[in-house]
N, C-alpha and C. Protein backbone atom coordinates (compact mmCIF):
# COMPACT_ATOMS: atom_id res chain seq x y z
N MET A 1 26.31 -85.71 78.33
CA MET A 1 25.31 -84.67 78.56
C MET A 1 25.00 -83.94 77.25
N LYS A 2 26.03 -83.76 76.43
CA LYS A 2 25.85 -83.06 75.15
C LYS A 2 24.88 -83.83 74.25
N LYS A 3 24.98 -85.16 74.24
CA LYS A 3 24.09 -85.98 73.43
C LYS A 3 22.65 -85.84 73.89
N PHE A 4 22.46 -85.71 75.20
CA PHE A 4 21.12 -85.54 75.75
C PHE A 4 20.47 -84.27 75.20
N PHE A 5 21.20 -83.15 75.20
CA PHE A 5 20.66 -81.89 74.74
C PHE A 5 20.52 -81.83 73.23
N GLU A 6 21.32 -82.61 72.50
CA GLU A 6 21.20 -82.65 71.04
C GLU A 6 19.86 -83.24 70.61
N LYS A 7 19.28 -84.12 71.42
CA LYS A 7 17.99 -84.71 71.10
C LYS A 7 16.89 -83.67 71.11
N PHE A 8 17.07 -82.60 71.87
CA PHE A 8 16.02 -81.61 72.07
C PHE A 8 16.30 -80.30 71.35
N LYS A 9 17.02 -80.37 70.25
CA LYS A 9 17.26 -79.15 69.47
C LYS A 9 15.92 -78.63 68.96
N ILE A 10 15.69 -77.36 69.18
CA ILE A 10 14.44 -76.75 68.76
C ILE A 10 14.67 -76.09 67.40
N ARG A 11 13.96 -76.60 66.40
CA ARG A 11 14.14 -76.10 65.05
C ARG A 11 13.07 -75.08 64.66
N ASP A 12 12.02 -75.02 65.43
CA ASP A 12 10.89 -74.17 65.12
C ASP A 12 10.82 -73.01 66.11
N LYS A 13 10.74 -71.79 65.61
CA LYS A 13 10.67 -70.63 66.49
C LYS A 13 9.39 -70.64 67.33
N GLY A 14 8.30 -71.14 66.76
CA GLY A 14 7.04 -71.21 67.49
C GLY A 14 7.15 -72.11 68.72
N THR A 15 7.86 -73.22 68.56
CA THR A 15 8.06 -74.13 69.69
C THR A 15 8.84 -73.44 70.79
N LEU A 16 9.87 -72.72 70.41
CA LEU A 16 10.68 -71.99 71.39
C LEU A 16 9.84 -70.94 72.11
N ILE A 17 9.05 -70.19 71.37
CA ILE A 17 8.22 -69.15 71.97
C ILE A 17 7.19 -69.76 72.93
N ARG A 18 6.53 -70.84 72.50
CA ARG A 18 5.54 -71.49 73.38
C ARG A 18 6.19 -72.03 74.65
N THR A 19 7.39 -72.58 74.50
CA THR A 19 8.09 -73.12 75.67
C THR A 19 8.45 -72.01 76.65
N ILE A 20 8.96 -70.90 76.14
CA ILE A 20 9.31 -69.77 77.01
C ILE A 20 8.08 -69.22 77.71
N LEU A 21 6.98 -69.06 76.96
CA LEU A 21 5.75 -68.55 77.57
C LEU A 21 5.23 -69.49 78.66
N GLN A 22 5.33 -70.79 78.40
CA GLN A 22 4.87 -71.77 79.39
C GLN A 22 5.71 -71.68 80.67
N VAL A 23 7.02 -71.60 80.52
CA VAL A 23 7.91 -71.51 81.68
C VAL A 23 7.64 -70.22 82.46
N LEU A 24 7.47 -69.11 81.74
CA LEU A 24 7.18 -67.84 82.41
C LEU A 24 5.84 -67.88 83.14
N ALA A 25 4.84 -68.49 82.53
CA ALA A 25 3.52 -68.58 83.18
C ALA A 25 3.61 -69.40 84.46
N TYR A 26 4.33 -70.51 84.41
CA TYR A 26 4.47 -71.33 85.62
C TYR A 26 5.29 -70.62 86.69
N ALA A 27 6.35 -69.93 86.28
CA ALA A 27 7.16 -69.17 87.24
C ALA A 27 6.30 -68.09 87.89
N ASN A 28 5.46 -67.44 87.11
CA ASN A 28 4.57 -66.41 87.63
C ASN A 28 3.59 -67.00 88.63
N GLN A 29 3.07 -68.18 88.35
CA GLN A 29 2.14 -68.84 89.28
C GLN A 29 2.84 -69.20 90.58
N ILE A 30 4.09 -69.61 90.50
CA ILE A 30 4.85 -69.93 91.72
C ILE A 30 5.05 -68.68 92.56
N VAL A 31 5.41 -67.56 91.90
CA VAL A 31 5.58 -66.30 92.63
C VAL A 31 4.27 -65.88 93.28
N ALA A 32 3.17 -66.03 92.55
CA ALA A 32 1.86 -65.65 93.10
C ALA A 32 1.47 -66.56 94.27
N ALA A 33 1.79 -67.83 94.17
CA ALA A 33 1.44 -68.76 95.25
C ALA A 33 2.26 -68.50 96.50
N ILE A 34 3.52 -68.17 96.31
CA ILE A 34 4.38 -67.87 97.46
C ILE A 34 3.97 -66.55 98.09
N GLY A 35 3.60 -65.59 97.25
CA GLY A 35 3.09 -64.32 97.73
C GLY A 35 4.12 -63.42 98.39
N ASN A 36 5.36 -63.48 97.93
CA ASN A 36 6.42 -62.65 98.54
C ASN A 36 6.37 -61.20 98.11
N THR A 37 5.66 -60.88 97.07
CA THR A 37 5.61 -59.50 96.59
C THR A 37 4.23 -58.90 96.85
N SER A 38 4.16 -57.60 96.89
CA SER A 38 2.89 -56.94 97.20
C SER A 38 1.87 -57.12 96.08
N PHE A 39 2.31 -57.11 94.82
CA PHE A 39 1.34 -57.25 93.74
C PHE A 39 0.77 -58.67 93.67
N ALA A 40 1.47 -59.67 94.19
CA ALA A 40 0.98 -61.04 94.17
C ALA A 40 -0.22 -61.22 95.10
N ASN A 41 -0.40 -60.31 96.06
CA ASN A 41 -1.53 -60.40 96.98
C ASN A 41 -2.78 -59.72 96.44
N ASN A 42 -2.68 -59.06 95.32
CA ASN A 42 -3.81 -58.37 94.71
C ASN A 42 -4.69 -59.41 93.98
N PRO A 43 -5.98 -59.48 94.31
CA PRO A 43 -6.85 -60.48 93.67
C PRO A 43 -6.96 -60.30 92.16
N VAL A 44 -6.95 -59.06 91.68
CA VAL A 44 -7.02 -58.83 90.24
C VAL A 44 -5.80 -59.45 89.56
N TYR A 45 -4.63 -59.24 90.12
CA TYR A 45 -3.41 -59.82 89.58
C TYR A 45 -3.51 -61.34 89.56
N GLN A 46 -4.00 -61.91 90.63
CA GLN A 46 -4.09 -63.36 90.72
C GLN A 46 -5.03 -63.94 89.66
N TYR A 47 -6.18 -63.31 89.44
CA TYR A 47 -7.12 -63.80 88.44
C TYR A 47 -6.58 -63.63 87.02
N VAL A 48 -5.99 -62.49 86.75
CA VAL A 48 -5.41 -62.26 85.41
C VAL A 48 -4.26 -63.23 85.17
N SER A 49 -3.44 -63.41 86.16
CA SER A 49 -2.31 -64.33 86.05
C SER A 49 -2.78 -65.76 85.81
N LEU A 50 -3.78 -66.20 86.55
CA LEU A 50 -4.32 -67.54 86.37
C LEU A 50 -4.94 -67.69 84.98
N GLY A 51 -5.67 -66.67 84.54
CA GLY A 51 -6.28 -66.72 83.20
C GLY A 51 -5.24 -66.84 82.10
N ILE A 52 -4.18 -66.06 82.21
CA ILE A 52 -3.10 -66.13 81.21
C ILE A 52 -2.44 -67.51 81.23
N THR A 53 -2.21 -68.05 82.41
CA THR A 53 -1.61 -69.39 82.52
C THR A 53 -2.50 -70.44 81.89
N ILE A 54 -3.79 -70.36 82.12
CA ILE A 54 -4.72 -71.33 81.54
C ILE A 54 -4.73 -71.21 80.02
N LEU A 55 -4.75 -69.99 79.50
CA LEU A 55 -4.75 -69.80 78.05
C LEU A 55 -3.47 -70.33 77.40
N ILE A 56 -2.33 -70.02 77.99
CA ILE A 56 -1.06 -70.49 77.44
C ILE A 56 -0.98 -72.02 77.49
N THR A 57 -1.40 -72.60 78.60
CA THR A 57 -1.37 -74.05 78.73
C THR A 57 -2.31 -74.72 77.74
N ALA A 58 -3.52 -74.18 77.60
CA ALA A 58 -4.48 -74.75 76.65
C ALA A 58 -3.96 -74.64 75.22
N PHE A 59 -3.37 -73.50 74.87
CA PHE A 59 -2.84 -73.31 73.52
C PHE A 59 -1.71 -74.28 73.22
N THR A 60 -0.77 -74.42 74.14
CA THR A 60 0.34 -75.33 73.89
C THR A 60 -0.13 -76.78 73.86
N TYR A 61 -1.11 -77.12 74.68
CA TYR A 61 -1.68 -78.47 74.65
C TYR A 61 -2.33 -78.74 73.30
N TRP A 62 -3.16 -77.80 72.83
CA TRP A 62 -3.86 -77.97 71.56
C TRP A 62 -2.86 -78.07 70.42
N TYR A 63 -1.86 -77.21 70.42
CA TYR A 63 -0.91 -77.16 69.32
C TYR A 63 -0.03 -78.41 69.26
N ASN A 64 0.26 -79.03 70.38
CA ASN A 64 1.18 -80.16 70.41
C ASN A 64 0.49 -81.52 70.40
N ASN A 65 -0.79 -81.57 70.11
CA ASN A 65 -1.50 -82.84 70.02
C ASN A 65 -2.20 -82.94 68.67
N ASN A 66 -2.45 -84.15 68.24
CA ASN A 66 -3.02 -84.40 66.92
C ASN A 66 -4.54 -84.41 67.00
N TRP A 67 -5.15 -83.24 66.86
CA TRP A 67 -6.59 -83.13 66.96
C TRP A 67 -7.28 -83.20 65.62
N THR A 68 -6.58 -82.95 64.53
CA THR A 68 -7.19 -82.97 63.22
C THR A 68 -6.76 -84.22 62.47
N SER A 69 -7.49 -84.57 61.42
CA SER A 69 -7.14 -85.75 60.63
C SER A 69 -5.80 -85.56 59.93
N MET A 70 -5.51 -84.34 59.49
CA MET A 70 -4.23 -84.09 58.83
C MET A 70 -3.06 -84.21 59.81
N ALA A 71 -3.26 -83.78 61.05
CA ALA A 71 -2.21 -83.92 62.05
C ALA A 71 -1.97 -85.39 62.37
N SER A 72 -3.03 -86.16 62.42
CA SER A 72 -2.91 -87.60 62.66
C SER A 72 -2.18 -88.27 61.50
N LEU A 73 -2.50 -87.86 60.29
CA LEU A 73 -1.83 -88.38 59.11
C LEU A 73 -0.34 -88.06 59.14
N GLY A 74 -0.03 -86.82 59.47
CA GLY A 74 1.37 -86.41 59.58
C GLY A 74 2.13 -87.18 60.65
N GLN A 75 1.49 -87.43 61.78
CA GLN A 75 2.13 -88.19 62.85
C GLN A 75 2.41 -89.62 62.40
N ASP A 76 1.46 -90.21 61.66
CA ASP A 76 1.66 -91.58 61.18
C ASP A 76 2.80 -91.65 60.16
N VAL A 77 2.90 -90.65 59.29
CA VAL A 77 4.02 -90.61 58.33
C VAL A 77 5.34 -90.46 59.09
N TYR A 78 5.36 -89.60 60.07
CA TYR A 78 6.57 -89.43 60.89
C TYR A 78 6.95 -90.74 61.58
N ASP A 79 5.97 -91.42 62.15
CA ASP A 79 6.25 -92.68 62.83
C ASP A 79 6.83 -93.72 61.88
N MET A 80 6.32 -93.74 60.63
CA MET A 80 6.85 -94.69 59.65
C MET A 80 8.30 -94.36 59.28
N LEU A 81 8.61 -93.08 59.21
CA LEU A 81 9.94 -92.66 58.75
C LEU A 81 10.97 -92.56 59.87
N LYS A 82 10.55 -92.75 61.10
CA LYS A 82 11.45 -92.58 62.25
C LYS A 82 12.70 -93.46 62.16
N ASP A 83 12.53 -94.69 61.73
CA ASP A 83 13.67 -95.59 61.68
C ASP A 83 14.45 -95.50 60.37
N GLY A 84 14.01 -94.66 59.44
CA GLY A 84 14.75 -94.44 58.20
C GLY A 84 14.29 -95.28 57.03
N GLU A 85 13.36 -96.19 57.25
CA GLU A 85 12.85 -96.98 56.14
C GLU A 85 11.39 -97.34 56.40
N ILE A 86 10.69 -97.59 55.31
CA ILE A 86 9.28 -97.97 55.42
C ILE A 86 9.16 -99.40 54.93
N THR A 87 8.60 -100.24 55.78
CA THR A 87 8.40 -101.64 55.38
C THR A 87 7.07 -101.77 54.65
N GLU A 88 6.91 -102.88 53.98
CA GLU A 88 5.67 -103.13 53.26
C GLU A 88 4.49 -103.24 54.22
N GLU A 89 4.73 -103.85 55.38
CA GLU A 89 3.66 -103.99 56.37
C GLU A 89 3.23 -102.62 56.91
N GLU A 90 4.21 -101.74 57.15
CA GLU A 90 3.88 -100.39 57.63
C GLU A 90 3.04 -99.65 56.60
N MET A 91 3.41 -99.77 55.34
CA MET A 91 2.69 -99.06 54.28
C MET A 91 1.26 -99.60 54.13
N LYS A 92 1.09 -100.92 54.19
CA LYS A 92 -0.25 -101.51 54.09
C LYS A 92 -1.12 -101.05 55.27
N ALA A 93 -0.57 -101.07 56.48
CA ALA A 93 -1.32 -100.62 57.65
C ALA A 93 -1.68 -99.14 57.54
N PHE A 94 -0.75 -98.36 57.05
CA PHE A 94 -0.98 -96.92 56.88
C PHE A 94 -2.11 -96.67 55.87
N LEU A 95 -2.04 -97.33 54.73
CA LEU A 95 -3.07 -97.14 53.69
C LEU A 95 -4.44 -97.60 54.17
N GLU A 96 -4.47 -98.70 54.88
CA GLU A 96 -5.75 -99.20 55.39
C GLU A 96 -6.35 -98.23 56.42
N LYS A 97 -5.51 -97.71 57.28
CA LYS A 97 -5.98 -96.79 58.32
C LYS A 97 -6.50 -95.49 57.72
N HIS A 98 -5.86 -95.00 56.66
CA HIS A 98 -6.20 -93.69 56.10
C HIS A 98 -6.93 -93.79 54.77
N LYS A 99 -7.52 -94.93 54.49
CA LYS A 99 -8.23 -95.12 53.23
C LYS A 99 -9.32 -94.09 53.06
N LYS A 100 -10.04 -93.78 54.13
CA LYS A 100 -11.15 -92.82 54.05
C LYS A 100 -10.66 -91.38 53.87
N ASP A 101 -9.40 -91.09 54.22
CA ASP A 101 -8.86 -89.74 54.12
C ASP A 101 -8.35 -89.39 52.73
N VAL A 102 -8.14 -90.40 51.89
CA VAL A 102 -7.57 -90.18 50.56
C VAL A 102 -8.70 -89.80 49.60
N PRO A 103 -8.59 -88.63 48.96
CA PRO A 103 -9.65 -88.24 48.02
C PRO A 103 -9.62 -89.12 46.77
N THR A 104 -10.78 -89.40 46.23
CA THR A 104 -10.87 -90.17 45.00
C THR A 104 -11.41 -89.30 43.89
N ASN A 105 -11.19 -89.72 42.64
CA ASN A 105 -11.67 -88.95 41.48
C ASN A 105 -13.00 -89.49 40.96
N LYS A 106 -13.67 -90.33 41.74
CA LYS A 106 -14.96 -90.88 41.32
C LYS A 106 -16.05 -89.88 41.61
N GLU A 107 -16.52 -89.22 40.55
CA GLU A 107 -17.60 -88.24 40.72
C GLU A 107 -18.67 -88.46 39.72
């Protein structure tokens, strides 16, 4: 079990904060859906709660996916280094894929 949790060590404070906010938003939605408390029955609370959940979910989705060319480049470098070595084939494929992203001095 210890090895399982070692795989998920969080090294970035931002990741930890986003994870906590996501869990709290979902827990809040569950409480609102169950409706056991008086404030959960208030429509204003429900709309604000849903809006906050949507914002947190959208932010964490955007932050954890490669939407920019630099993020895609970083993911490809990470994928190459995952096994601890870079093969010649990996490097050729990487350079071919990102040829357009590399600035040139031809002006």
